[in-house]
Amino acid sequence: MIHESGEDYLETILLLQNETGSVRSIDIARKLGYTKASISRAMSILKKSEYIVIDGEGQIILTEKGLHKAKDVYERHQLITTYLVSALGVSMETASEDACRIEHVISEESFEKIKKYVNSL
């Protein structure tokens, strides 16, 4: 079981990987505004849990397990944001911030209903 913060790190790694092609601890620290020590500790936990590997040059690479989890969290974030904006009229900024919290605790049933709604737009 991965904690909320771990899911956020995986999602951030995925986004950075898509933006720049490679990810290092310092990139994550800059993106999230955390200290390099905090990132290092988190990467150690993710590595032990087999969500990431770190190559000899310090590049952080999502494993298949990590990529699957990161994509799942990102999909939840995107769909919940879209739902809040389109169905409820929430501002994009607020919707994205709220989605970041909701994505970790929403039930599968509720998420599937939101997904069905958003996909019908």
PDB file of N, CA and C in Angstrom:
ATOM      1  N   MET A   1       0.849  -1.191   0.000  1.00  0.00           N
ATOM      2  CA  MET A   1       0.000   0.000   0.000  1.00  0.00           C
ATOM      3  C   MET A   1       0.887   1.245   0.000  1.00  0.00           C
ATOM      4  N   ILE A   2       0.584   2.159  -0.858  1.00  0.00           N
ATOM      5  CA  ILE A   2       1.362   3.400  -0.965  1.00  0.00           C
ATOM      6  C   ILE A   2       0.553   4.541  -0.356  1.00  0.00           C
ATOM      7  N   HIS A   3       1.238   5.430   0.327  1.00  0.00           N
ATOM      8  CA  HIS A   3       0.587   6.566   0.963  1.00  0.00           C
ATOM      9  C   HIS A   3       0.342   7.689  -0.039  1.00  0.00           C
ATOM     10  N   GLU A   4      -0.483   8.640   0.387  1.00  0.00           N
ATOM     11  CA  GLU A   4      -0.832   9.782  -0.454  1.00  0.00           C
ATOM     12  C   GLU A   4       0.400  10.512  -0.971  1.00  0.00           C
ATOM     13  N   SER A   5       1.372  10.748  -0.099  1.00  0.00           N
ATOM     14  CA  SER A   5       2.575  11.474  -0.528  1.00  0.00           C
ATOM     15  C   SER A   5       3.336  10.677  -1.587  1.00  0.00           C
ATOM     16  N   GLY A   6       3.384   9.358  -1.437  1.00  0.00           N
ATOM     17  CA  GLY A   6       4.039   8.515  -2.428  1.00  0.00           C
ATOM     18  C   GLY A   6       3.358   8.612  -3.774  1.00  0.00           C
ATOM     19  N   GLU A   7       2.026   8.641  -3.759  1.00  0.00           N
ATOM     20  CA  GLU A   7       1.277   8.792  -5.007  1.00  0.00           C
ATOM     21  C   GLU A   7       1.588  10.134  -5.662  1.00  0.00           C
ATOM     22  N   ASP A   8       1.691  11.181  -4.842  1.00  0.00           N
ATOM     23  CA  ASP A   8       2.030  12.505  -5.381  1.00  0.00           C
ATOM     24  C   ASP A   8       3.411  12.512  -6.020  1.00  0.00           C
ATOM     25  N   TYR A   9       4.369  11.847  -5.384  1.00  0.00           N
ATOM     26  CA  TYR A   9       5.712  11.758  -5.960  1.00  0.00           C
ATOM     27  C   TYR A   9       5.685  11.017  -7.289  1.00  0.00           C
ATOM     28  N   LEU A  10       4.974   9.899  -7.347  1.00  0.00           N
ATOM     29  CA  LEU A  10       4.900   9.130  -8.592  1.00  0.00           C
ATOM     30  C   LEU A  10       4.263   9.953  -9.707  1.00  0.00           C
ATOM     31  N   GLU A  11       3.197  10.662  -9.382  1.00  0.00           N
ATOM     32  CA  GLU A  11       2.535  11.509 -10.369  1.00  0.00           C
ATOM     33  C   GLU A  11       3.495  12.596 -10.858  1.00  0.00           C
ATOM     34  N   THR A  12       4.242  13.187  -9.948  1.00  0.00           N
ATOM     35  CA  THR A  12       5.206  14.228 -10.314  1.00  0.00           C
ATOM     36  C   THR A  12       6.317  13.667 -11.198  1.00  0.00           C
ATOM     37  N   ILE A  13       6.799  12.488 -10.870  1.00  0.00           N
ATOM     38  CA  ILE A  13       7.832  11.853 -11.696  1.00  0.00           C
ATOM     39  C   ILE A  13       7.300  11.632 -13.108  1.00  0.00           C
ATOM     40  N   LEU A  14       6.071  11.135 -13.218  1.00  0.00           N
ATOM     41  CA  LEU A  14       5.454  10.907 -14.529  1.00  0.00           C
ATOM     42  C   LEU A  14       5.366  12.217 -15.320  1.00  0.00           C
ATOM     43  N   LEU A  15       4.885  13.268 -14.684  1.00  0.00           N
ATOM     44  CA  LEU A  15       4.742  14.549 -15.371  1.00  0.00           C
ATOM     45  C   LEU A  15       6.088  15.106 -15.813  1.00  0.00           C
ATOM     46  N   LEU A  16       7.084  15.036 -14.933  1.00  0.00           N
ATOM     47  CA  LEU A  16       8.417  15.522 -15.294  1.00  0.00           C
ATOM     48  C   LEU A  16       9.031  14.688 -16.415  1.00  0.00           C
ATOM     49  N   GLN A  17       8.821  13.390 -16.363  1.00  0.00           N
ATOM     50  CA  GLN A  17       9.331  12.500 -17.399  1.00  0.00           C
ATOM     51  C   GLN A  17       8.714  12.871 -18.752  1.00  0.00           C
ATOM     52  N   ASN A  18       7.419  13.164 -18.741  1.00  0.00           N
ATOM     53  CA  ASN A  18       6.744  13.552 -19.977  1.00  0.00           C
ATOM     54  C   ASN A  18       7.217  14.914 -20.484  1.00  0.00           C
ATOM     55  N   GLU A  19       7.523  15.823 -19.560  1.00  0.00           N
ATOM     56  CA  GLU A  19       7.967  17.175 -19.932  1.00  0.00           C
ATOM     57  C   GLU A  19       9.403  17.207 -20.425  1.00  0.00           C
ATOM     58  N   THR A  20      10.297  16.510 -19.714  1.00  0.00           N
ATOM     59  CA  THR A  20      11.726  16.670 -19.995  1.00  0.00           C
ATOM     60  C   THR A  20      12.430  15.404 -20.472  1.00  0.00           C
ATOM     61  N   GLY A  21      11.779  14.256 -20.300  1.00  0.00           N
ATOM     62  CA  GLY A  21      12.388  13.007 -20.739  1.00  0.00           C
ATOM     63  C   GLY A  21      13.196  12.303 -19.671  1.00  0.00           C
ATOM     64  N   SER A  22      13.651  13.043 -18.671  1.00  0.00           N
ATOM     65  CA  SER A  22      14.406  12.425 -17.588  1.00  0.00           C
ATOM     66  C   SER A  22      14.124  13.171 -16.288  1.00  0.00           C
ATOM     67  N   VAL A  23      14.312  12.454 -15.182  1.00  0.00           N
ATOM     68  CA  VAL A  23      13.993  13.038 -13.877  1.00  0.00           C
ATOM     69  C   VAL A  23      15.111  12.737 -12.890  1.00  0.00           C
ATOM     70  N   ARG A  24      15.493  13.759 -12.134  1.00  0.00           N
ATOM     71  CA  ARG A  24      16.455  13.610 -11.045  1.00  0.00           C
ATOM     72  C   ARG A  24      15.792  14.155  -9.781  1.00  0.00           C
ATOM     73  N   SER A  25      16.345  13.827  -8.647  1.00  0.00           N
ATOM     74  CA  SER A  25      15.779  14.275  -7.366  1.00  0.00           C
ATOM     75  C   SER A  25      15.616  15.788  -7.307  1.00  0.00           C
ATOM     76  N   ILE A  26      16.582  16.512  -7.822  1.00  0.00           N
ATOM     77  CA  ILE A  26      16.530  17.972  -7.772  1.00  0.00           C
ATOM     78  C   ILE A  26      15.347  18.510  -8.569  1.00  0.00           C
ATOM     79  N   ASP A  27      14.973  17.825  -9.659  1.00  0.00           N
ATOM     80  CA  ASP A  27      13.819  18.240 -10.463  1.00  0.00           C
ATOM     81  C   ASP A  27      12.529  18.123  -9.654  1.00  0.00           C
ATOM     82  N   ILE A  28      12.423  17.035  -8.907  1.00  0.00           N
ATOM     83  CA  ILE A  28      11.242  16.814  -8.071  1.00  0.00           C
ATOM     84  C   ILE A  28      11.203  17.846  -6.953  1.00  0.00           C
ATOM     85  N   ALA A  29      12.350  18.115  -6.351  1.00  0.00           N
ATOM     86  CA  ALA A  29      12.430  19.107  -5.272  1.00  0.00           C
ATOM     87  C   ALA A  29      11.980  20.479  -5.766  1.00  0.00           C
ATOM     88  N   ARG A  30      12.438  20.862  -6.934  1.00  0.00           N
ATOM     89  CA  ARG A  30      12.051  22.164  -7.513  1.00  0.00           C
ATOM     90  C   ARG A  30      10.557  22.209  -7.810  1.00  0.00           C
ATOM     91  N   LYS A  31      10.047  21.147  -8.408  1.00  0.00           N
ATOM     92  CA  LYS A  31       8.638  21.110  -8.812  1.00  0.00           C
ATOM     93  C   LYS A  31       7.709  21.178  -7.601  1.00  0.00           C
ATOM     94  N   LEU A  32       8.050  20.459  -6.536  1.00  0.00           N
ATOM     95  CA  LEU A  32       7.171  20.380  -5.370  1.00  0.00           C
ATOM     96  C   LEU A  32       7.532  21.370  -4.261  1.00  0.00           C
ATOM     97  N   GLY A  33       8.715  21.988  -4.362  1.00  0.00           N
ATOM     98  CA  GLY A  33       9.130  22.928  -3.335  1.00  0.00           C
ATOM     99  C   GLY A  33       9.575  22.266  -2.044  1.00  0.00           C
ATOM    100  N   TYR A  34      10.073  21.029  -2.143  1.00  0.00           N
ATOM    101  CA  TYR A  34      10.552  20.291  -0.974  1.00  0.00           C
ATOM    102  C   TYR A  34      12.072  20.311  -0.953  1.00  0.00           C
ATOM    103  N   THR A  35      12.636  19.969   0.195  1.00  0.00           N
ATOM    104  CA  THR A  35      14.092  19.898   0.303  1.00  0.00           C
ATOM    105  C   THR A  35      14.594  18.639  -0.400  1.00  0.00           C
ATOM    106  N   LYS A  36      15.846  18.698  -0.821  1.00  0.00           N
ATOM    107  CA  LYS A  36      16.457  17.537  -1.468  1.00  0.00           C
ATOM    108  C   LYS A  36      16.502  16.349  -0.507  1.00  0.00           C
ATOM    109  N   ALA A  37      16.676  16.621   0.796  1.00  0.00           N
ATOM    110  CA  ALA A  37      16.700  15.545   1.793  1.00  0.00           C
ATOM    111  C   ALA A  37      15.344  14.831   1.873  1.00  0.00           C
ATOM    112  N   SER A  38      14.270  15.595   1.828  1.00  0.00           N
ATOM    113  CA  SER A  38      12.931  14.990   1.846  1.00  0.00           C
ATOM    114  C   SER A  38      12.711  14.120   0.614  1.00  0.00           C
ATOM    115  N   ILE A  39      13.135  14.621  -0.524  1.00  0.00           N
ATOM    116  CA  ILE A  39      12.976  13.876  -1.777  1.00  0.00           C
ATOM    117  C   ILE A  39      13.811  12.605  -1.720  1.00  0.00           C
ATOM    118  N   SER A  40      15.020  12.705  -1.235  1.00  0.00           N
ATOM    119  CA  SER A  40      15.906  11.547  -1.137  1.00  0.00           C
ATOM    120  C   SER A  40      15.288  10.451  -0.276  1.00  0.00           C
ATOM    121  N   ARG A  41      14.729  10.832   0.848  1.00  0.00           N
ATOM    122  CA  ARG A  41      14.071   9.873   1.746  1.00  0.00           C
ATOM    123  C   ARG A  41      12.881   9.211   1.035  1.00  0.00           C
ATOM    124  N   ALA A  42      12.071  10.025   0.368  1.00  0.00           N
ATOM    125  CA  ALA A  42      10.899   9.497  -0.339  1.00  0.00           C
ATOM    126  C   ALA A  42      11.312   8.560  -1.479  1.00  0.00           C
ATOM    127  N   MET A  43      12.364   8.924  -2.210  1.00  0.00           N
ATOM    128  CA  MET A  43      12.812   8.082  -3.314  1.00  0.00           C
ATOM    129  C   MET A  43      13.321   6.737  -2.792  1.00  0.00           C
ATOM    130  N   SER A  44      13.947   6.759  -1.644  1.00  0.00           N
ATOM    131  CA  SER A  44      14.418   5.519  -1.023  1.00  0.00           C
ATOM    132  C   SER A  44      13.246   4.587  -0.720  1.00  0.00           C
ATOM    133  N   ILE A  45      12.172   5.144  -0.199  1.00  0.00           N
ATOM    134  CA  ILE A  45      10.974   4.355   0.110  1.00  0.00           C
ATOM    135  C   ILE A  45      10.341   3.814  -1.171  1.00  0.00           C
ATOM    136  N   LEU A  46      10.231   4.669  -2.192  1.00  0.00           N
ATOM    137  CA  LEU A  46       9.643   4.229  -3.467  1.00  0.00           C
ATOM    138  C   LEU A  46      10.503   3.166  -4.131  1.00  0.00           C
ATOM    139  N   LYS A  47      11.811   3.295  -4.001  1.00  0.00           N
ATOM    140  CA  LYS A  47      12.731   2.306  -4.575  1.00  0.00           C
ATOM    141  C   LYS A  47      12.562   0.964  -3.869  1.00  0.00           C
ATOM    142  N   LYS A  48      12.522   0.984  -2.539  1.00  0.00           N
ATOM    143  CA  LYS A  48      12.319  -0.254  -1.769  1.00  0.00           C
ATOM    144  C   LYS A  48      11.011  -0.932  -2.123  1.00  0.00           C
ATOM    145  N   SER A  49      10.001  -0.134  -2.406  1.00  0.00           N
ATOM    146  CA  SER A  49       8.674  -0.659  -2.755  1.00  0.00           C
ATOM    147  C   SER A  49       8.556  -1.030  -4.228  1.00  0.00           C
ATOM    148  N   GLU A  50       9.661  -0.864  -4.960  1.00  0.00           N
ATOM    149  CA  GLU A  50       9.756  -1.238  -6.381  1.00  0.00           C
ATOM    150  C   GLU A  50       8.868  -0.416  -7.310  1.00  0.00           C
ATOM    151  N   TYR A  51       8.677   0.858  -6.945  1.00  0.00           N
ATOM    152  CA  TYR A  51       7.943   1.770  -7.822  1.00  0.00           C
ATOM    153  C   TYR A  51       8.895   2.511  -8.756  1.00  0.00           C
ATOM    154  N   ILE A  52      10.153   2.636  -8.349  1.00  0.00           N
ATOM    155  CA  ILE A  52      11.153   3.328  -9.157  1.00  0.00           C
ATOM    156  C   ILE A  52      12.481   2.581  -9.094  1.00  0.00           C
ATOM    157  N   VAL A  53      13.334   2.904 -10.053  1.00  0.00           N
ATOM    158  CA  VAL A  53      14.743   2.529  -9.985  1.00  0.00           C
ATOM    159  C   VAL A  53      15.538   3.814 -10.207  1.00  0.00           C
ATOM    160  N   ILE A  54      16.743   3.832  -9.673  1.00  0.00           N
ATOM    161  CA  ILE A  54      17.622   4.992  -9.851  1.00  0.00           C
ATOM    162  C   ILE A  54      18.898   4.478 -10.497  1.00  0.00           C
ATOM    163  N   ASP A  55      19.190   5.005 -11.680  1.00  0.00           N
ATOM    164  CA  ASP A  55      20.359   4.501 -12.395  1.00  0.00           C
ATOM    165  C   ASP A  55      21.649   5.112 -11.844  1.00  0.00           C
ATOM    166  N   GLY A  56      22.757   4.720 -12.403  1.00  0.00           N
ATOM    167  CA  GLY A  56      24.070   5.152 -11.935  1.00  0.00           C
ATOM    168  C   GLY A  56      24.307   6.647 -12.043  1.00  0.00           C
ATOM    169  N   GLU A  57      23.535   7.325 -12.875  1.00  0.00           N
ATOM    170  CA  GLU A  57      23.674   8.773 -13.050  1.00  0.00           C
ATOM    171  C   GLU A  57      22.650   9.560 -12.234  1.00  0.00           C
ATOM    172  N   GLY A  58      21.880   8.858 -11.406  1.00  0.00           N
ATOM    173  CA  GLY A  58      20.887   9.527 -10.561  1.00  0.00           C
ATOM    174  C   GLY A  58      19.543   9.775 -11.228  1.00  0.00           C
ATOM    175  N   GLN A  59      19.368   9.211 -12.414  1.00  0.00           N
ATOM    176  CA  GLN A  59      18.082   9.343 -13.104  1.00  0.00           C
ATOM    177  C   GLN A  59      17.042   8.451 -12.427  1.00  0.00           C
ATOM    178  N   ILE A  60      15.864   8.991 -12.191  1.00  0.00           N
ATOM    179  CA  ILE A  60      14.782   8.251 -11.556  1.00  0.00           C
ATOM    180  C   ILE A  60      13.863   7.746 -12.658  1.00  0.00           C
ATOM    181  N   ILE A  61      13.644   6.442 -12.652  1.00  0.00           N
ATOM    182  CA  ILE A  61      12.851   5.803 -13.700  1.00  0.00           C
ATOM    183  C   ILE A  61      11.724   5.017 -13.041  1.00  0.00           C
ATOM    184  N   LEU A  62      10.515   5.238 -13.524  1.00  0.00           N
ATOM    185  CA  LEU A  62       9.378   4.482 -13.012  1.00  0.00           C
ATOM    186  C   LEU A  62       9.466   3.037 -13.484  1.00  0.00           C
ATOM    187  N   THR A  63       9.238   2.102 -12.583  1.00  0.00           N
ATOM    188  CA  THR A  63       9.131   0.697 -12.978  1.00  0.00           C
ATOM    189  C   THR A  63       7.754   0.502 -13.597  1.00  0.00           C
ATOM    190  N   GLU A  64       7.484  -0.667 -14.108  1.00  0.00           N
ATOM    191  CA  GLU A  64       6.156  -0.939 -14.651  1.00  0.00           C
ATOM    192  C   GLU A  64       5.092  -0.716 -13.573  1.00  0.00           C
ATOM    193  N   LYS A  65       5.370  -1.196 -12.376  1.00  0.00           N
ATOM    194  CA  LYS A  65       4.462  -1.016 -11.237  1.00  0.00           C
ATOM    195  C   LYS A  65       4.285   0.476 -10.928  1.00  0.00           C
ATOM    196  N   GLY A  66       5.383   1.225 -10.926  1.00  0.00           N
ATOM    197  CA  GLY A  66       5.328   2.656 -10.649  1.00  0.00           C
ATOM    198  C   GLY A  66       4.610   3.433 -11.730  1.00  0.00           C
ATOM    199  N   LEU A  67       4.857   3.067 -12.976  1.00  0.00           N
ATOM    200  CA  LEU A  67       4.198   3.726 -14.103  1.00  0.00           C
ATOM    201  C   LEU A  67       2.695   3.497 -14.049  1.00  0.00           C
ATOM    202  N   HIS A  68       2.285   2.284 -13.757  1.00  0.00           N
ATOM    203  CA  HIS A  68       0.853   1.967 -13.653  1.00  0.00           C
ATOM    204  C   HIS A  68       0.198   2.813 -12.561  1.00  0.00           C
ATOM    205  N   LYS A  69       0.829   2.883 -11.400  1.00  0.00           N
ATOM    206  CA  LYS A  69       0.269   3.655 -10.284  1.00  0.00           C
ATOM    207  C   LYS A  69       0.249   5.139 -10.611  1.00  0.00           C
ATOM    208  N   ALA A  70       1.324   5.652 -11.189  1.00  0.00           N
ATOM    209  CA  ALA A  70       1.410   7.072 -11.534  1.00  0.00           C
ATOM    210  C   ALA A  70       0.326   7.447 -12.548  1.00  0.00           C
ATOM    211  N   LYS A  71       0.122   6.614 -13.552  1.00  0.00           N
ATOM    212  CA  LYS A  71      -0.911   6.889 -14.556  1.00  0.00           C
ATOM    213  C   LYS A  71      -2.299   6.850 -13.933  1.00  0.00           C
ATOM    214  N   ASP A  72      -2.518   5.934 -13.006  1.00  0.00           N
ATOM    215  CA  ASP A  72      -3.798   5.826 -12.315  1.00  0.00           C
ATOM    216  C   ASP A  72      -4.085   7.103 -11.518  1.00  0.00           C
ATOM    217  N   VAL A  73      -3.106   7.568 -10.775  1.00  0.00           N
ATOM    218  CA  VAL A  73      -3.272   8.786  -9.965  1.00  0.00           C
ATOM    219  C   VAL A  73      -3.490   9.989 -10.881  1.00  0.00           C
ATOM    220  N   TYR A  74      -2.718  10.080 -11.950  1.00  0.00           N
ATOM    221  CA  TYR A  74      -2.848  11.198 -12.889  1.00  0.00           C
ATOM    222  C   TYR A  74      -4.228  11.197 -13.554  1.00  0.00           C
ATOM    223  N   GLU A  75      -4.713  10.028 -13.938  1.00  0.00           N
ATOM    224  CA  GLU A  75      -6.048   9.942 -14.545  1.00  0.00           C
ATOM    225  C   GLU A  75      -7.107  10.431 -13.569  1.00  0.00           C
ATOM    226  N   ARG A  76      -7.002  10.006 -12.331  1.00  0.00           N
ATOM    227  CA  ARG A  76      -7.955  10.453 -11.311  1.00  0.00           C
ATOM    228  C   ARG A  76      -7.909  11.971 -11.189  1.00  0.00           C
ATOM    229  N   HIS A  77      -6.706  12.517 -11.123  1.00  0.00           N
ATOM    230  CA  HIS A  77      -6.542  13.968 -10.985  1.00  0.00           C
ATOM    231  C   HIS A  77      -7.206  14.698 -12.152  1.00  0.00           C
ATOM    232  N   GLN A  78      -6.904  14.268 -13.357  1.00  0.00           N
ATOM    233  CA  GLN A  78      -7.433  14.930 -14.548  1.00  0.00           C
ATOM    234  C   GLN A  78      -8.958  14.845 -14.626  1.00  0.00           C
ATOM    235  N   LEU A  79      -9.492  13.654 -14.409  1.00  0.00           N
ATOM    236  CA  LEU A  79     -10.935  13.483 -14.524  1.00  0.00           C
ATOM    237  C   LEU A  79     -11.693  14.217 -13.424  1.00  0.00           C
ATOM    238  N   ILE A  80     -11.185  14.189 -12.210  1.00  0.00           N
ATOM    239  CA  ILE A  80     -11.852  14.906 -11.115  1.00  0.00           C
ATOM    240  C   ILE A  80     -11.799  16.408 -11.363  1.00  0.00           C
ATOM    241  N   THR A  81     -10.660  16.894 -11.845  1.00  0.00           N
ATOM    242  CA  THR A  81     -10.550  18.319 -12.182  1.00  0.00           C
ATOM    243  C   THR A  81     -11.573  18.691 -13.240  1.00  0.00           C
ATOM    244  N   THR A  82     -11.651  17.912 -14.300  1.00  0.00           N
ATOM    245  CA  THR A  82     -12.604  18.173 -15.378  1.00  0.00           C
ATOM    246  C   THR A  82     -14.033  18.169 -14.862  1.00  0.00           C
ATOM    247  N   TYR A  83     -14.349  17.201 -14.023  1.00  0.00           N
ATOM    248  CA  TYR A  83     -15.697  17.105 -13.450  1.00  0.00           C
ATOM    249  C   TYR A  83     -16.029  18.352 -12.637  1.00  0.00           C
ATOM    250  N   LEU A  84     -15.134  18.755 -11.760  1.00  0.00           N
ATOM    251  CA  LEU A  84     -15.390  19.913 -10.902  1.00  0.00           C
ATOM    252  C   LEU A  84     -15.601  21.184 -11.726  1.00  0.00           C
ATOM    253  N   VAL A  85     -14.835  21.313 -12.795  1.00  0.00           N
ATOM    254  CA  VAL A  85     -14.959  22.489 -13.653  1.00  0.00           C
ATOM    255  C   VAL A  85     -16.244  22.421 -14.486  1.00  0.00           C
ATOM    256  N   SER A  86     -16.454  21.312 -15.186  1.00  0.00           N
ATOM    257  CA  SER A  86     -17.565  21.236 -16.138  1.00  0.00           C
ATOM    258  C   SER A  86     -18.928  21.034 -15.481  1.00  0.00           C
ATOM    259  N   ALA A  87     -18.996  20.206 -14.475  1.00  0.00           N
ATOM    260  CA  ALA A  87     -20.295  19.917 -13.862  1.00  0.00           C
ATOM    261  C   ALA A  87     -20.673  20.926 -12.778  1.00  0.00           C
ATOM    262  N   LEU A  88     -19.673  21.458 -12.083  1.00  0.00           N
ATOM    263  CA  LEU A  88     -19.972  22.307 -10.938  1.00  0.00           C
ATOM    264  C   LEU A  88     -19.557  23.764 -11.111  1.00  0.00           C
ATOM    265  N   GLY A  89     -18.785  24.048 -12.151  1.00  0.00           N
ATOM    266  CA  GLY A  89     -18.375  25.423 -12.407  1.00  0.00           C
ATOM    267  C   GLY A  89     -17.273  25.936 -11.497  1.00  0.00           C
ATOM    268  N   VAL A  90     -16.523  25.026 -10.902  1.00  0.00           N
ATOM    269  CA  VAL A  90     -15.395  25.404 -10.048  1.00  0.00           C
ATOM    270  C   VAL A  90     -14.280  25.952 -10.936  1.00  0.00           C
ATOM    271  N   SER A  91     -13.544  26.943 -10.456  1.00  0.00           N
ATOM    272  CA  SER A  91     -12.434  27.484 -11.244  1.00  0.00           C
ATOM    273  C   SER A  91     -11.382  26.400 -11.461  1.00  0.00           C
ATOM    274  N   MET A  92     -10.647  26.495 -12.549  1.00  0.00           N
ATOM    275  CA  MET A  92      -9.637  25.492 -12.887  1.00  0.00           C
ATOM    276  C   MET A  92      -8.606  25.350 -11.775  1.00  0.00           C
ATOM    277  N   GLU A  93      -8.134  26.466 -11.233  1.00  0.00           N
ATOM    278  CA  GLU A  93      -7.113  26.422 -10.188  1.00  0.00           C
ATOM    279  C   GLU A  93      -7.625  25.699  -8.938  1.00  0.00           C
ATOM    280  N   THR A  94      -8.812  26.063  -8.494  1.00  0.00           N
ATOM    281  CA  THR A  94      -9.387  25.426  -7.309  1.00  0.00           C
ATOM    282  C   THR A  94      -9.693  23.965  -7.583  1.00  0.00           C
ATOM    283  N   ALA A  95     -10.230  23.674  -8.751  1.00  0.00           N
ATOM    284  CA  ALA A  95     -10.557  22.292  -9.107  1.00  0.00           C
ATOM    285  C   ALA A  95      -9.316  21.410  -9.093  1.00  0.00           C
ATOM    286  N   SER A  96      -8.217  21.916  -9.625  1.00  0.00           N
ATOM    287  CA  SER A  96      -6.983  21.139  -9.654  1.00  0.00           C
ATOM    288  C   SER A  96      -6.443  20.904  -8.243  1.00  0.00           C
ATOM    289  N   GLU A  97      -6.496  21.936  -7.411  1.00  0.00           N
ATOM    290  CA  GLU A  97      -6.043  21.787  -6.021  1.00  0.00           C
ATOM    291  C   GLU A  97      -6.913  20.781  -5.269  1.00  0.00           C
ATOM    292  N   ASP A  98      -8.232  20.884  -5.443  1.00  0.00           N
ATOM    293  CA  ASP A  98      -9.150  19.961  -4.769  1.00  0.00           C
ATOM    294  C   ASP A  98      -8.967  18.538  -5.287  1.00  0.00           C
ATOM    295  N   ALA A  99      -8.800  18.405  -6.591  1.00  0.00           N
ATOM    296  CA  ALA A  99      -8.611  17.080  -7.194  1.00  0.00           C
ATOM    297  C   ALA A  99      -7.368  16.403  -6.632  1.00  0.00           C
ATOM    298  N   CYS A 100      -6.340  17.186  -6.342  1.00  0.00           N
ATOM    299  CA  CYS A 100      -5.097  16.640  -5.794  1.00  0.00           C
ATOM    300  C   CYS A 100      -5.341  15.968  -4.445  1.00  0.00           C
ATOM    301  N   ARG A 101      -6.302  16.471  -3.700  1.00  0.00           N
ATOM    302  CA  ARG A 101      -6.632  15.855  -2.412  1.00  0.00           C
ATOM    303  C   ARG A 101      -7.641  14.719  -2.590  1.00  0.00           C
ATOM    304  N   ILE A 102      -8.639  14.943  -3.416  1.00  0.00           N
ATOM    305  CA  ILE A 102      -9.712  13.962  -3.601  1.00  0.00           C
ATOM    306  C   ILE A 102      -9.193  12.675  -4.250  1.00  0.00           C
ATOM    307  N   GLU A 103      -8.255  12.789  -5.169  1.00  0.00           N
ATOM    308  CA  GLU A 103      -7.771  11.637  -5.945  1.00  0.00           C
ATOM    309  C   GLU A 103      -7.265  10.495  -5.074  1.00  0.00           C
ATOM    310  N   HIS A 104      -6.882  10.794  -3.855  1.00  0.00           N
ATOM    311  CA  HIS A 104      -6.309   9.778  -2.969  1.00  0.00           C
ATOM    312  C   HIS A 104      -7.356   9.044  -2.136  1.00  0.00           C
ATOM    313  N   VAL A 105      -8.523   9.625  -1.991  1.00  0.00           N
ATOM    314  CA  VAL A 105      -9.505   9.052  -1.064  1.00  0.00           C
ATOM    315  C   VAL A 105     -10.829   8.649  -1.701  1.00  0.00           C
ATOM    316  N   ILE A 106     -11.036   9.003  -2.943  1.00  0.00           N
ATOM    317  CA  ILE A 106     -12.307   8.720  -3.594  1.00  0.00           C
ATOM    318  C   ILE A 106     -12.494   7.206  -3.785  1.00  0.00           C
ATOM    319  N   SER A 107     -13.721   6.762  -3.606  1.00  0.00           N
ATOM    320  CA  SER A 107     -14.013   5.338  -3.808  1.00  0.00           C
ATOM    321  C   SER A 107     -13.973   5.002  -5.293  1.00  0.00           C
ATOM    322  N   GLU A 108     -13.773   3.739  -5.582  1.00  0.00           N
ATOM    323  CA  GLU A 108     -13.761   3.287  -6.980  1.00  0.00           C
ATOM    324  C   GLU A 108     -15.113   3.545  -7.634  1.00  0.00           C
ATOM    325  N   GLU A 109     -16.186   3.316  -6.887  1.00  0.00           N
ATOM    326  CA  GLU A 109     -17.539   3.532  -7.422  1.00  0.00           C
ATOM    327  C   GLU A 109     -17.748   4.989  -7.824  1.00  0.00           C
ATOM    328  N   SER A 110     -17.421   5.908  -6.926  1.00  0.00           N
ATOM    329  CA  SER A 110     -17.586   7.329  -7.237  1.00  0.00           C
ATOM    330  C   SER A 110     -16.699   7.750  -8.399  1.00  0.00           C
ATOM    331  N   PHE A 111     -15.452   7.258  -8.399  1.00  0.00           N
ATOM    332  CA  PHE A 111     -14.553   7.612  -9.490  1.00  0.00           C
ATOM    333  C   PHE A 111     -15.092   7.110 -10.830  1.00  0.00           C
ATOM    334  N   GLU A 112     -15.598   5.896 -10.862  1.00  0.00           N
ATOM    335  CA  GLU A 112     -16.140   5.348 -12.114  1.00  0.00           C
ATOM    336  C   GLU A 112     -17.336   6.164 -12.604  1.00  0.00           C
ATOM    337  N   LYS A 113     -18.160   6.663 -11.699  1.00  0.00           N
ATOM    338  CA  LYS A 113     -19.311   7.504 -12.081  1.00  0.00           C
ATOM    339  C   LYS A 113     -18.825   8.837 -12.653  1.00  0.00           C
ATOM    340  N   ILE A 114     -17.801   9.422 -12.030  1.00  0.00           N
ATOM    341  CA  ILE A 114     -17.232  10.668 -12.543  1.00  0.00           C
ATOM    342  C   ILE A 114     -16.616  10.426 -13.915  1.00  0.00           C
ATOM    343  N   LYS A 115     -15.910   9.318 -14.044  1.00  0.00           N
ATOM    344  CA  LYS A 115     -15.281   8.971 -15.324  1.00  0.00           C
ATOM    345  C   LYS A 115     -16.328   8.827 -16.423  1.00  0.00           C
ATOM    346  N   LYS A 116     -17.418   8.146 -16.095  1.00  0.00           N
ATOM    347  CA  LYS A 116     -18.519   7.967 -17.066  1.00  0.00           C
ATOM    348  C   LYS A 116     -19.107   9.326 -17.456  1.00  0.00           C
ATOM    349  N   TYR A 117     -19.303  10.183 -16.464  1.00  0.00           N
ATOM    350  CA  TYR A 117     -19.854  11.519 -16.745  1.00  0.00           C
ATOM    351  C   TYR A 117     -18.922  12.323 -17.635  1.00  0.00           C
ATOM    352  N   VAL A 118     -17.651  12.400 -17.274  1.00  0.00           N
ATOM    353  CA  VAL A 118     -16.671  13.193 -18.036  1.00  0.00           C
ATOM    354  C   VAL A 118     -16.525  12.656 -19.450  1.00  0.00           C
ATOM    355  N   ASN A 119     -16.505  11.341 -19.594  1.00  0.00           N
ATOM    356  CA  ASN A 119     -16.366  10.749 -20.930  1.00  0.00           C
ATOM    357  C   ASN A 119     -17.607  10.949 -21.801  1.00  0.00           C
ATOM    358  N   SER A 120     -18.739  11.313 -21.193  1.00  0.00           N
ATOM    359  CA  SER A 120     -19.947  11.541 -21.970  1.00  0.00           C
ATOM    360  C   SER A 120     -20.046  12.982 -22.462  1.00  0.00           C
ATOM    361  N   LEU A 121     -19.122  13.839 -22.026  1.00  0.00           N
ATOM    362  CA  LEU A 121     -19.169  15.250 -22.426  1.00  0.00           C
ATOM    363  C   LEU A 121     -18.814  15.436 -23.885  1.00  0.00           C
TER     364      LEU A 121
END
